[in-house]
N, C-alpha and C. Protein backbone atom coordinates (compact mmCIF):
# COMPACT_ATOMS: atom_id res chain seq x y z
N MET A 1 -112.81 -113.17 -168.11
CA MET A 1 -112.80 -113.77 -166.86
C MET A 1 -113.78 -114.63 -166.08
N PRO A 2 -113.69 -115.83 -165.37
CA PRO A 2 -114.74 -116.49 -165.19
C PRO A 2 -115.49 -115.90 -163.80
N THR A 3 -116.69 -116.72 -163.54
CA THR A 3 -117.45 -115.98 -162.64
C THR A 3 -117.62 -117.10 -161.74
N TYR A 4 -117.20 -116.90 -160.28
CA TYR A 4 -117.49 -117.82 -159.14
C TYR A 4 -118.63 -117.57 -158.44
N ALA A 5 -119.38 -119.17 -158.00
CA ALA A 5 -120.43 -118.59 -156.82
C ALA A 5 -119.54 -118.93 -155.48
N TYR A 6 -119.93 -118.27 -154.46
CA TYR A 6 -119.83 -118.56 -153.05
C TYR A 6 -121.01 -118.27 -152.60
N ALA A 7 -120.96 -119.05 -151.15
CA ALA A 7 -121.93 -119.40 -150.09
C ALA A 7 -121.39 -119.11 -148.80
N CYS A 8 -122.11 -118.49 -148.02
CA CYS A 8 -121.41 -118.13 -146.47
C CYS A 8 -121.82 -119.71 -145.86
N LYS A 9 -121.30 -120.24 -144.92
CA LYS A 9 -121.45 -121.20 -144.04
C LYS A 9 -122.40 -120.88 -142.84
N ASP A 10 -122.17 -119.53 -142.58
CA ASP A 10 -122.68 -119.09 -141.60
C ASP A 10 -124.31 -118.56 -141.85
N CYS A 11 -123.95 -117.63 -142.50
CA CYS A 11 -125.48 -116.88 -142.49
C CYS A 11 -126.21 -117.41 -143.84
N GLY A 12 -125.61 -117.97 -144.71
CA GLY A 12 -126.26 -118.26 -145.94
C GLY A 12 -126.19 -117.74 -147.16
N HIS A 13 -125.68 -116.42 -147.01
CA HIS A 13 -125.42 -115.39 -148.08
C HIS A 13 -124.69 -116.33 -149.24
N ALA A 14 -125.49 -115.75 -150.44
CA ALA A 14 -124.85 -116.49 -151.83
C ALA A 14 -124.76 -115.47 -152.95
N PHE A 15 -123.59 -115.35 -153.53
CA PHE A 15 -123.26 -114.26 -154.20
C PHE A 15 -122.38 -114.92 -155.32
N ASP A 16 -122.16 -113.98 -156.54
CA ASP A 16 -121.47 -114.79 -157.92
C ASP A 16 -120.43 -113.46 -157.58
N ILE A 17 -119.28 -113.85 -158.12
CA ILE A 17 -118.11 -112.97 -158.20
C ILE A 17 -117.22 -113.36 -159.28
N VAL A 18 -116.89 -112.02 -160.21
CA VAL A 18 -116.11 -112.29 -161.60
C VAL A 18 -114.69 -112.26 -160.76
N GLN A 19 -113.72 -113.30 -161.32
CA GLN A 19 -112.22 -113.32 -160.71
C GLN A 19 -111.43 -113.70 -161.57
N SER A 20 -109.99 -113.59 -161.86
CA SER A 20 -109.04 -114.17 -162.41
C SER A 20 -108.75 -115.64 -162.23
N PHE A 21 -108.33 -116.18 -163.04
CA PHE A 21 -107.75 -117.33 -162.61
C PHE A 21 -106.70 -117.37 -161.43
N SER A 22 -105.84 -116.36 -161.46
CA SER A 22 -104.72 -116.40 -160.63
C SER A 22 -105.16 -115.65 -159.36
N ASP A 23 -106.53 -115.24 -159.17
CA ASP A 23 -106.84 -114.34 -157.97
C ASP A 23 -107.19 -115.61 -156.96
N SER A 24 -106.99 -115.22 -155.49
CA SER A 24 -106.90 -116.21 -154.31
C SER A 24 -108.61 -116.59 -154.24
N SER A 25 -109.24 -117.55 -153.94
CA SER A 25 -110.36 -117.75 -153.23
C SER A 25 -110.87 -116.65 -152.18
N LEU A 26 -111.95 -116.30 -152.27
CA LEU A 26 -112.60 -115.43 -151.29
C LEU A 26 -112.69 -116.30 -149.85
N THR A 27 -112.29 -115.65 -148.43
CA THR A 27 -112.69 -116.49 -147.35
C THR A 27 -113.27 -116.01 -146.36
N SER A 28 -113.83 -114.75 -146.62
CA SER A 28 -114.71 -114.26 -145.44
C SER A 28 -116.14 -113.83 -146.11
N CYS A 29 -117.04 -113.70 -145.83
CA CYS A 29 -118.60 -113.25 -146.13
C CYS A 29 -118.42 -111.74 -145.87
N PRO A 30 -118.92 -111.13 -147.03
CA PRO A 30 -118.99 -109.56 -147.20
C PRO A 30 -120.27 -109.00 -146.07
N GLU A 31 -121.42 -109.92 -145.93
CA GLU A 31 -122.11 -109.73 -145.15
C GLU A 31 -122.02 -109.94 -143.63
N CYS A 32 -121.56 -111.13 -143.00
CA CYS A 32 -121.37 -111.50 -141.80
C CYS A 32 -119.61 -111.58 -141.38
N GLN A 33 -119.29 -111.61 -142.21
CA GLN A 33 -117.60 -111.63 -141.98
C GLN A 33 -117.46 -113.28 -141.69
N GLY A 34 -118.28 -114.11 -141.87
CA GLY A 34 -118.18 -115.55 -141.91
C GLY A 34 -117.28 -116.56 -142.69
N ALA A 35 -117.21 -117.62 -142.65
CA ALA A 35 -116.52 -118.57 -143.57
C ALA A 35 -117.41 -118.80 -144.87
N LEU A 36 -116.59 -118.54 -145.76
CA LEU A 36 -117.16 -118.68 -147.33
C LEU A 36 -116.72 -120.64 -147.79
N ARG A 37 -117.56 -121.01 -149.09
CA ARG A 37 -117.31 -122.08 -149.47
C ARG A 37 -117.62 -121.77 -151.27
N LYS A 38 -116.92 -122.15 -151.82
CA LYS A 38 -116.87 -122.11 -153.16
C LYS A 38 -117.97 -123.29 -153.47
N LYS A 39 -119.19 -122.57 -154.57
CA LYS A 39 -119.82 -123.59 -155.12
C LYS A 39 -119.63 -124.10 -156.32
N PHE A 40 -119.82 -125.21 -156.82
CA PHE A 40 -119.41 -125.69 -158.02
C PHE A 40 -120.44 -126.13 -159.13
N ASN A 41 -120.42 -125.65 -160.02
CA ASN A 41 -121.35 -125.90 -161.12
C ASN A 41 -121.04 -127.03 -162.14
N SER A 42 -122.06 -127.16 -162.46
CA SER A 42 -121.55 -127.98 -164.27
C SER A 42 -120.62 -127.35 -164.59
N VAL A 43 -119.80 -128.16 -165.77
CA VAL A 43 -118.94 -127.66 -166.86
C VAL A 43 -119.63 -127.04 -167.69
N GLY A 44 -119.22 -125.69 -168.05
CA GLY A 44 -119.89 -124.61 -169.17
C GLY A 44 -119.58 -125.02 -170.84
N VAL A 45 -118.75 -126.13 -170.88
CA VAL A 45 -118.18 -126.38 -172.25
C VAL A 45 -119.16 -127.36 -172.99
N VAL A 46 -119.55 -127.53 -173.75
CA VAL A 46 -120.14 -128.48 -174.42
C VAL A 46 -120.14 -128.78 -176.00
N PHE A 47 -119.55 -129.77 -175.94
CA PHE A 47 -118.90 -130.47 -177.55
C PHE A 47 -120.05 -130.92 -178.50
N LYS A 48 -120.48 -130.21 -179.52
CA LYS A 48 -121.33 -130.54 -180.45
C LYS A 48 -120.89 -130.66 -181.70
N GLY A 49 -121.39 -131.28 -182.50
CA GLY A 49 -121.10 -131.36 -184.07
C GLY A 49 -120.28 -132.78 -184.00
N SER A 50 -119.83 -132.84 -185.27
CA SER A 50 -119.31 -134.28 -185.41
C SER A 50 -117.49 -134.11 -185.40
N GLY A 51 -116.53 -135.12 -185.24
CA GLY A 51 -115.29 -134.74 -184.98
C GLY A 51 -115.06 -134.71 -183.66
N PHE A 52 -115.29 -134.97 -182.46
CA PHE A 52 -115.07 -134.90 -181.16
C PHE A 52 -114.97 -136.41 -180.47
N TYR A 53 -115.80 -137.30 -181.07
CA TYR A 53 -115.39 -138.69 -180.75
C TYR A 53 -114.72 -139.64 -181.94
N ARG A 54 -114.02 -140.91 -180.92
CA ARG A 54 -113.33 -141.51 -182.02
C ARG A 54 -114.01 -142.31 -183.07
N THR A 55 -115.29 -142.37 -182.77
CA THR A 55 -116.11 -143.17 -183.63
C THR A 55 -116.10 -142.22 -184.98
N ASP A 56 -116.00 -140.75 -185.07
CA ASP A 56 -116.85 -139.82 -185.92
C ASP A 56 -115.60 -139.95 -186.96
N SER A 57 -114.47 -140.56 -186.96
CA SER A 57 -113.40 -140.61 -187.97
C SER A 57 -113.53 -141.88 -188.94
N ARG A 58 -114.38 -142.90 -188.22
CA ARG A 58 -114.29 -143.81 -188.89
C ARG A 58 -115.50 -144.21 -189.88
N ASP A 59 -115.10 -145.06 -190.80
CA ASP A 59 -116.32 -145.25 -191.80
C ASP A 59 -116.92 -146.53 -191.09
N ALA A 60 -117.93 -146.80 -192.04
CA ALA A 60 -119.16 -147.78 -191.13
C ALA A 60 -118.47 -149.42 -191.43
N LYS A 61 -117.70 -149.37 -191.80
CA LYS A 61 -117.10 -150.91 -191.86
C LYS A 61 -116.17 -151.27 -190.50
N GLY A 62 -115.56 -150.18 -190.13
CA GLY A 62 -114.67 -150.15 -189.12
C GLY A 62 -113.05 -150.15 -189.31
N SER A 63 -113.05 -150.18 -190.75
CA SER A 63 -111.86 -149.93 -191.14
C SER A 63 -110.99 -148.65 -191.07
N THR A 64 -109.63 -148.67 -190.33
CA THR A 64 -109.10 -147.57 -190.11
C THR A 64 -108.28 -146.89 -191.15
N VAL A 65 -107.96 -148.06 -192.06
CA VAL A 65 -107.18 -147.87 -193.53
C VAL A 65 -107.60 -147.44 -194.56
N SER A 66 -107.89 -146.80 -195.32
CA SER A 66 -108.56 -146.77 -196.49
C SER A 66 -107.51 -146.16 -197.84
N ALA A 67 -108.20 -147.19 -198.98
CA ALA A 67 -106.95 -147.01 -200.32
C ALA A 67 -107.54 -145.78 -200.89
N ALA A 68 -106.44 -144.88 -201.31
CA ALA A 68 -106.73 -143.77 -202.11
C ALA A 68 -107.49 -144.02 -203.26
N PRO A 69 -108.52 -143.57 -203.92
CA PRO A 69 -109.27 -144.15 -205.50
C PRO A 69 -108.00 -143.50 -206.29
N GLY A 70 -107.87 -144.30 -207.40
CA GLY A 70 -107.12 -143.96 -208.58
C GLY A 70 -105.74 -144.16 -208.08
N ALA A 71 -105.02 -144.87 -206.99
CA ALA A 71 -103.90 -144.92 -206.71
C ALA A 71 -103.06 -145.80 -207.40
N PRO A 72 -102.09 -145.54 -208.10
CA PRO A 72 -101.32 -146.79 -208.86
C PRO A 72 -100.77 -147.90 -208.49
N ALA A 73 -101.13 -149.12 -208.83
CA ALA A 73 -100.63 -150.51 -208.35
C ALA A 73 -99.36 -150.32 -208.15
N ALA A 74 -98.73 -151.56 -206.96
CA ALA A 74 -97.23 -151.65 -207.15
C ALA A 74 -96.50 -151.62 -208.13
N ALA A 75 -95.13 -151.50 -208.17
CA ALA A 75 -94.22 -151.51 -209.40
C ALA A 75 -94.27 -153.01 -209.93
N PRO A 76 -94.13 -153.67 -210.98
CA PRO A 76 -94.22 -154.98 -211.22
C PRO A 76 -92.64 -155.68 -210.46
N ALA A 77 -92.63 -156.55 -210.40
CA ALA A 77 -91.26 -157.58 -209.77
C ALA A 77 -90.47 -157.33 -210.74
N ALA A 78 -90.78 -157.34 -212.09
CA ALA A 78 -89.77 -157.85 -212.93
C ALA A 78 -88.93 -156.34 -213.20
N SER A 79 -89.47 -155.20 -212.76
CA SER A 79 -88.33 -154.19 -212.59
C SER A 79 -87.60 -154.26 -211.66
N ALA A 80 -87.57 -154.55 -210.84
CA ALA A 80 -86.48 -154.55 -209.69
C ALA A 80 -85.07 -155.41 -210.14
N PRO A 81 -85.26 -156.41 -210.58
CA PRO A 81 -83.84 -157.18 -211.17
C PRO A 81 -83.24 -156.26 -211.91
N ALA A 82 -83.78 -155.68 -212.90
CA ALA A 82 -83.11 -154.98 -214.01
C ALA A 82 -82.35 -153.68 -213.32
N ALA A 83 -83.00 -153.35 -212.17
CA ALA A 83 -82.83 -151.98 -211.49
C ALA A 83 -81.12 -152.50 -210.80
N ALA A 84 -81.14 -153.74 -210.38
CA ALA A 84 -80.21 -154.34 -209.65
C ALA A 84 -79.17 -154.67 -210.36
N ALA A 85 -79.25 -155.07 -211.79
CA ALA A 85 -78.33 -155.08 -212.69
C ALA A 85 -77.38 -154.13 -213.01
N SER A 86 -77.73 -152.75 -213.15
CA SER A 86 -77.16 -151.65 -213.75
C SER A 86 -75.85 -151.17 -212.93
């Protein structure tokens, strides 16, 4: 469950609380019963390593299609009319 930070607008009391995503936000300060505001921090997810960016899957030449090594060449054109004559 995530931890949320709150601060009181009236007395300045700041605290953190663990709440479920489905829980509603707190509205009153536990110290003075004043109005609370939710403090927002930076995102806690950091993507490290390769595979997260569009350029990670491309080769140095910028080509998006690569031929498989050792793939057979296309069938000769002479075999197509012979199959049609049958």
